[in-house]
């Protein structure tokens, strides 16, 4: 009797798993319903704008709606956990940025592992940063600025978008590479940090080119260098840190699409093709390139390798900056 009962329980369990098994085993039927694209940023921000442009293009290719959901809070961990725990059927996706690679070094109890719990679909963008100072500071280029900092250790302050934010870690790497010191002032986002710099409360900061561009073009701040490997088409007159002799110091924030781990590879490949086509579309690429956003695609394997490199790099930066995980 006990053997029969166990057999019945096992059979019922197998039947209960059939819908998911069929969804995973028959990716040819995908997509048969709308997709959700979850991102950890507020609506209307620069990441949200690009995510929605990509979502609209992907929706047309797949002939299914792609609904963008903004799940803010907990430094992006709510959105990440939502997707990490979603069914791996290709209908729930994550649109994230460099913060995904930084989080493991900042939180002891992170509810997901960015390398284990996601299947990367593809990169969408790389956005170099720009080093800026107030107009009141005398230095006219990076070399002069480094000399100015060396002569005044801890005399200058810099604004960041928060402790452990990429704008914080990028300045920390710059100070470490140049053997200089300054005082970091964290704000709740880079917009308040920029306001503080315009008001003279901090003397310099680093931010994404796309965010800083209006202030640079208006002459309200002084752009000393961009952090990409090459000059930005949006700021062709601004040299790179490499041109100032900092050969190994290149930094960019990135954006990309990920699915839950165990999502079928045929589904990942179709998503990758759709995302890559979106970022190659001149109607999308043109306006974003003009704003300092370098749209680029990648294979899932390339994104996976890059994500691993980023986790290691920013983890080292967090430890170098002396930030204690929460």
Protein backbone atom coordinates (compact mmCIF):
# COMPACT_ATOMS: atom_id res chain seq x y z
CA UNK A 1 0.00 0.00 0.00
CA UNK A 2 2.80 2.42 0.91
CA UNK A 3 4.55 1.66 -2.40
CA UNK A 4 1.34 2.40 -4.35
CA UNK A 5 0.85 5.66 -2.45
CA UNK A 6 4.38 6.82 -3.26
CA UNK A 7 3.91 5.91 -6.90
CA UNK A 8 0.68 7.94 -7.03
CA UNK A 9 2.33 10.97 -5.38
CA UNK A 10 5.23 10.80 -7.80
CA UNK A 11 2.86 10.60 -10.76
CA UNK A 12 0.83 13.58 -9.57
CA UNK A 13 4.03 15.55 -9.06
CA UNK A 14 5.12 14.79 -12.58
CA UNK A 15 1.76 15.90 -13.97
CA UNK A 16 1.93 19.15 -12.01
CA UNK A 17 5.24 19.92 -13.63
CA UNK A 18 4.04 19.32 -17.18
CA UNK A 19 3.02 22.91 -18.05
CA UNK A 20 6.45 24.27 -17.13
CA UNK A 21 8.21 21.32 -18.76
CA UNK A 22 6.28 21.85 -21.99
CA UNK A 23 7.00 25.60 -21.91
CA UNK A 24 10.71 24.89 -21.58
CA UNK A 25 10.79 21.91 -23.94
CA UNK A 26 8.88 23.60 -26.76
CA UNK A 27 10.60 26.94 -27.35
CA UNK A 28 9.38 26.88 -30.96
CA UNK A 29 5.98 28.04 -29.66
CA UNK A 30 7.58 31.06 -27.98
CA UNK A 31 6.45 33.82 -27.69
CA UNK A 32 2.78 33.04 -27.22
CA UNK A 33 2.00 35.88 -24.77
CA UNK A 34 3.26 39.37 -23.80
CA UNK A 35 6.73 39.76 -22.30
CA UNK A 36 7.67 41.72 -19.16
CA UNK A 37 10.85 43.80 -19.12
CA UNK A 38 11.67 44.74 -15.54
CA UNK A 39 14.16 47.46 -14.70
CA UNK A 40 15.27 48.89 -11.35
CA UNK A 41 15.09 52.54 -12.39
CA UNK A 42 12.41 55.20 -12.30
CA UNK A 43 10.30 55.98 -15.34
CA UNK A 44 11.60 58.83 -17.46
CA UNK A 45 15.27 58.44 -16.55
CA UNK A 46 17.97 57.83 -19.18
CA UNK A 47 18.08 54.06 -18.61
CA UNK A 48 14.29 53.84 -18.76
CA UNK A 49 14.18 55.79 -22.03
CA UNK A 50 16.57 53.41 -23.78
CA UNK A 51 14.90 50.35 -22.27
CA UNK A 52 11.53 51.46 -23.64
CA UNK A 53 12.99 52.15 -27.09
CA UNK A 54 14.50 48.66 -27.16
CA UNK A 55 11.27 47.12 -25.83
CA UNK A 56 9.16 48.72 -28.56
CA UNK A 57 11.51 47.50 -31.28
CA UNK A 58 11.65 43.97 -29.84
CA UNK A 59 7.85 43.90 -29.57
CA UNK A 60 7.51 44.62 -33.29
CA UNK A 61 9.96 41.86 -34.17
CA UNK A 62 8.34 39.24 -31.95
CA UNK A 63 4.77 40.36 -32.66
CA UNK A 64 4.04 40.41 -28.93
CA UNK A 65 3.79 43.36 -26.51
CA UNK A 66 6.80 43.97 -24.27
CA UNK A 67 5.56 45.63 -21.08
CA UNK A 68 8.17 47.70 -19.24
CA UNK A 69 7.84 47.58 -15.45
CA UNK A 70 9.79 49.93 -13.18
CA UNK A 71 10.61 48.17 -9.90
CA UNK A 72 12.73 50.63 -7.98
CA UNK A 73 14.10 50.25 -4.48
CA UNK A 74 16.81 48.39 -2.57
CA UNK A 75 19.46 49.62 -5.02
CA UNK A 76 18.04 47.50 -7.81
CA UNK A 77 17.81 44.32 -5.78
CA UNK A 78 14.00 44.13 -5.92
CA UNK A 79 13.99 44.04 -9.71
CA UNK A 80 16.87 41.58 -9.79
CA UNK A 81 15.24 39.21 -7.32
CA UNK A 82 11.93 39.36 -9.21
CA UNK A 83 13.54 38.13 -12.42
CA UNK A 84 15.92 35.68 -10.75
CA UNK A 85 12.90 33.91 -9.21
CA UNK A 86 10.70 34.08 -12.31
CA UNK A 87 9.90 31.04 -14.42
CA UNK A 88 12.63 30.51 -17.02
CA UNK A 89 10.22 30.64 -19.93
CA UNK A 90 11.41 33.79 -21.70
CA UNK A 91 8.48 35.96 -20.63
CA UNK A 92 10.12 37.81 -17.73
CA UNK A 93 13.32 39.72 -18.50
CA UNK A 94 15.63 42.08 -16.64
CA UNK A 95 17.02 45.32 -18.02
CA UNK A 96 19.95 46.30 -15.82
CA UNK A 97 23.23 48.19 -15.81
CA UNK A 98 26.65 48.17 -14.12
CA UNK A 99 24.95 48.19 -10.72
CA UNK A 100 24.22 44.49 -11.22
CA UNK A 101 27.96 43.79 -11.21
CA UNK A 102 28.68 46.06 -8.24
CA UNK A 103 25.98 44.74 -5.89
CA UNK A 104 27.70 41.47 -4.85
CA UNK A 105 30.49 43.47 -3.19
CA UNK A 106 28.06 45.85 -1.45
CA UNK A 107 25.55 43.43 0.09
CA UNK A 108 26.26 40.38 2.23
CA UNK A 109 22.75 38.97 1.77
CA UNK A 110 22.14 39.66 -1.90
CA UNK A 111 18.99 37.70 -2.89
CA UNK A 112 20.54 36.52 -6.16
CA UNK A 113 23.90 35.79 -7.77
CA UNK A 114 24.36 37.83 -10.97
CA UNK A 115 26.54 35.14 -12.54
CA UNK A 116 24.52 32.10 -11.46
CA UNK A 117 20.89 33.22 -11.47
CA UNK A 118 20.65 34.95 -14.85
CA UNK A 119 21.10 33.98 -18.48
CA UNK A 120 22.55 37.03 -20.26
CA UNK A 121 20.72 37.90 -23.49
CA UNK A 122 22.83 40.75 -24.81
CA UNK A 123 24.34 44.13 -24.15
CA UNK A 124 22.54 47.21 -25.43
CA UNK A 125 24.83 50.12 -24.56
CA UNK A 126 28.14 51.29 -23.15
CA UNK A 127 28.19 54.80 -21.71
CA UNK A 128 31.57 56.37 -20.92
CA UNK A 129 31.84 58.75 -18.00
CA UNK A 130 33.25 62.25 -17.94
CA UNK A 131 35.45 63.92 -15.32
CA UNK A 132 34.23 67.45 -14.59
CA UNK A 133 35.19 70.32 -12.31
CA UNK A 134 33.63 73.61 -11.37
CA UNK A 135 34.60 76.53 -13.57
CA UNK A 136 36.17 78.16 -10.51
CA UNK A 137 39.01 75.61 -10.37
CA UNK A 138 42.15 76.73 -12.27
CA UNK A 139 43.18 73.41 -13.94
CA UNK A 140 42.43 73.31 -17.67
CA UNK A 141 43.20 69.65 -18.32
CA UNK A 142 43.68 66.34 -16.53
CA UNK A 143 47.43 66.72 -16.02
CA UNK A 144 46.99 70.12 -14.38
CA UNK A 145 44.14 68.75 -12.28
CA UNK A 146 46.27 65.87 -10.99
CA UNK A 147 49.05 68.29 -10.04
CA UNK A 148 46.48 70.53 -8.34
CA UNK A 149 45.16 67.59 -6.29
CA UNK A 150 48.64 66.44 -5.32
CA UNK A 151 49.46 69.88 -3.97
CA UNK A 152 46.24 69.91 -1.90
CA UNK A 153 45.59 66.45 -0.40
CA UNK A 154 42.05 66.14 1.00
CA UNK A 155 41.38 69.82 0.30
CA UNK A 156 38.89 69.21 -2.52
CA UNK A 157 35.60 67.34 -2.34
CA UNK A 158 33.80 65.38 -5.02
CA UNK A 159 30.13 64.50 -5.36
CA UNK A 160 28.85 61.00 -6.04
CA UNK A 161 25.52 59.36 -6.72
CA UNK A 162 25.86 57.37 -3.49
CA UNK A 163 28.32 55.13 -1.66
CA UNK A 164 29.34 52.30 -3.98
CA UNK A 165 27.72 53.96 -6.98
CA UNK A 166 29.79 53.74 -10.16
CA UNK A 167 30.39 57.49 -9.97
CA UNK A 168 31.92 56.97 -6.52
CA UNK A 169 34.03 53.98 -7.52
CA UNK A 170 35.26 55.66 -10.70
CA UNK A 171 36.64 58.63 -8.76
CA UNK A 172 38.15 56.23 -6.22
CA UNK A 173 39.97 54.43 -9.04
CA UNK A 174 41.14 57.76 -10.48
CA UNK A 175 42.50 58.92 -7.11
CA UNK A 176 44.21 55.58 -6.56
CA UNK A 177 45.80 55.59 -10.02
CA UNK A 178 47.09 59.15 -9.64
CA UNK A 179 48.20 58.92 -6.00
CA UNK A 180 45.93 61.78 -4.97
CA UNK A 181 43.36 62.27 -2.21
CA UNK A 182 40.01 64.04 -1.99
CA UNK A 183 36.88 63.85 0.15
CA UNK A 184 33.85 62.04 -1.25
CA UNK A 185 30.38 63.44 -0.55
CA UNK A 186 27.55 60.98 -1.34
CA UNK A 187 24.19 62.21 -2.61
CA UNK A 188 20.95 60.43 -3.42
CA UNK A 189 21.68 60.32 -7.12
CA UNK A 190 23.92 62.22 -9.50
CA UNK A 191 21.42 65.01 -10.14
CA UNK A 192 21.73 66.34 -6.55
CA UNK A 193 25.50 65.91 -6.83
CA UNK A 194 25.52 68.04 -9.96
CA UNK A 195 23.43 70.70 -8.23
CA UNK A 196 25.96 70.73 -5.40
CA UNK A 197 28.83 71.15 -7.84
CA UNK A 198 27.07 73.99 -9.63
CA UNK A 199 26.63 75.63 -6.23
CA UNK A 200 30.27 75.12 -5.27
CA UNK A 201 29.60 72.67 -2.42
CA UNK A 202 31.80 70.09 -4.20
CA UNK A 203 34.55 70.85 -6.68
CA UNK A 204 34.47 67.89 -9.05
CA UNK A 205 32.61 64.71 -9.97
CA UNK A 206 32.28 61.97 -12.55
CA UNK A 207 29.03 61.19 -14.32
CA UNK A 208 27.75 59.49 -17.46
CA UNK A 209 28.28 61.63 -20.53
CA UNK A 210 24.58 61.36 -21.38
CA UNK A 211 23.64 62.92 -18.04
CA UNK A 212 26.36 65.58 -17.95
CA UNK A 213 26.15 66.72 -21.56
CA UNK A 214 23.66 69.60 -21.11
CA UNK A 215 25.78 71.18 -18.36
CA UNK A 216 28.97 70.82 -20.38
CA UNK A 217 27.48 72.26 -23.55
CA UNK A 218 26.06 75.21 -21.61
CA UNK A 219 29.50 75.92 -20.17
CA UNK A 220 28.27 75.50 -16.60
CA UNK A 221 30.96 72.94 -15.77
CA UNK A 222 34.40 72.14 -17.14
CA UNK A 223 34.93 68.74 -18.80
CA UNK A 224 38.51 67.54 -18.38
CA UNK A 225 38.42 63.99 -19.72
CA UNK A 226 36.19 61.14 -20.82
CA UNK A 227 36.79 57.68 -19.40
CA UNK A 228 36.27 55.58 -22.53
CA UNK A 229 39.01 54.03 -24.63
CA UNK A 230 38.34 56.64 -27.33
CA UNK A 231 36.95 60.14 -27.49
CA UNK A 232 33.18 60.39 -27.45
CA UNK A 233 31.40 61.57 -30.62
CA UNK A 234 29.22 63.66 -28.30
CA UNK A 235 32.29 65.44 -26.86
CA UNK A 236 34.96 65.19 -29.57
CA UNK A 237 36.97 68.07 -28.09
CA UNK A 238 37.39 66.36 -24.71
CA UNK A 239 40.43 64.02 -24.48
CA UNK A 240 40.46 60.62 -22.82
CA UNK A 241 42.20 59.73 -19.58
CA UNK A 242 44.54 57.63 -21.70
CA UNK A 243 45.67 60.76 -23.50
CA UNK A 244 46.65 62.17 -20.10
CA UNK A 245 48.90 59.16 -19.51
CA UNK A 246 46.46 56.97 -17.55
CA UNK A 247 46.68 54.07 -19.97
CA UNK A 248 44.94 51.47 -17.84
CA UNK A 249 42.10 53.65 -16.60
CA UNK A 250 39.03 53.17 -18.78
CA UNK A 251 35.55 53.07 -17.25
CA UNK A 252 32.06 52.90 -18.64
CA UNK A 253 28.64 52.05 -17.37
CA UNK A 254 26.70 49.56 -19.46
CA UNK A 255 23.16 48.36 -20.02
CA UNK A 256 21.83 44.99 -21.10
CA UNK A 257 19.04 42.42 -21.07
CA UNK A 258 19.06 39.22 -19.01
CA UNK A 259 16.66 36.32 -18.49
CA UNK A 260 16.30 33.89 -15.59
CA UNK A 261 18.86 31.09 -15.53
CA UNK A 262 17.75 27.90 -17.32
CA UNK A 263 15.81 29.82 -19.97
CA UNK A 264 15.99 27.62 -23.10
CA UNK A 265 18.85 28.54 -25.42
CA UNK A 266 16.63 28.82 -28.52
CA UNK A 267 14.61 31.48 -26.67
CA UNK A 268 17.78 33.28 -25.57
CA UNK A 269 19.03 33.29 -29.16
CA UNK A 270 15.78 34.73 -30.51
CA UNK A 271 15.81 37.41 -27.84
CA UNK A 272 19.44 38.19 -28.61
CA UNK A 273 18.68 38.63 -32.30
CA UNK A 274 15.77 40.94 -31.51
CA UNK A 275 17.76 43.06 -29.03
CA UNK A 276 20.74 43.31 -31.40
CA UNK A 277 18.49 44.43 -34.25
CA UNK A 278 16.99 47.10 -32.00
CA UNK A 279 20.30 48.71 -31.06
CA UNK A 280 21.48 48.59 -34.69
CA UNK A 281 18.42 50.45 -35.92
CA UNK A 282 19.55 53.97 -36.97
CA UNK A 283 16.26 55.38 -35.69
CA UNK A 284 17.34 54.35 -32.19
CA UNK A 285 21.13 54.55 -32.48
CA UNK A 286 21.29 58.03 -33.99
CA UNK A 287 19.60 60.04 -31.22
CA UNK A 288 21.28 58.10 -28.41
CA UNK A 289 24.76 58.36 -29.96
CA UNK A 290 24.34 62.12 -30.12
CA UNK A 291 23.72 62.05 -26.36
CA UNK A 292 26.90 60.14 -25.57
CA UNK A 293 25.39 56.65 -25.47
CA UNK A 294 27.36 54.04 -27.43
CA UNK A 295 24.79 51.48 -28.53
CA UNK A 296 26.33 48.06 -29.01
CA UNK A 297 25.26 44.45 -29.22
CA UNK A 298 26.87 41.24 -28.06
CA UNK A 299 26.29 37.53 -28.09
CA UNK A 300 24.97 35.91 -24.91
CA UNK A 301 28.38 34.30 -24.34
CA UNK A 302 30.18 37.62 -24.75
CA UNK A 303 27.83 39.27 -22.28
CA UNK A 304 28.35 36.41 -19.81
CA UNK A 305 32.13 36.79 -19.99
CA UNK A 306 31.92 40.57 -19.73
CA UNK A 307 29.62 40.37 -16.71
CA UNK A 308 32.13 38.12 -14.97
CA UNK A 309 34.91 40.61 -15.65
CA UNK A 310 32.77 43.47 -14.34
CA UNK A 311 31.88 41.63 -11.13
CA UNK A 312 35.57 41.07 -10.44
CA UNK A 313 36.63 44.58 -11.41
CA UNK A 314 34.07 46.49 -9.40
CA UNK A 315 34.41 44.10 -6.49
CA UNK A 316 38.10 44.99 -6.37
CA UNK A 317 37.19 48.69 -6.59
CA UNK A 318 34.76 48.42 -3.67
CA UNK A 319 37.40 46.78 -1.51
CA UNK A 320 40.07 49.26 -2.60
CA UNK A 321 37.74 52.12 -1.65
CA UNK A 322 37.33 50.61 1.83
CA UNK A 323 33.56 50.20 1.54
CA UNK A 324 32.14 47.68 4.00
CA UNK A 325 29.29 45.51 2.66
CA UNK A 326 25.91 45.96 4.28
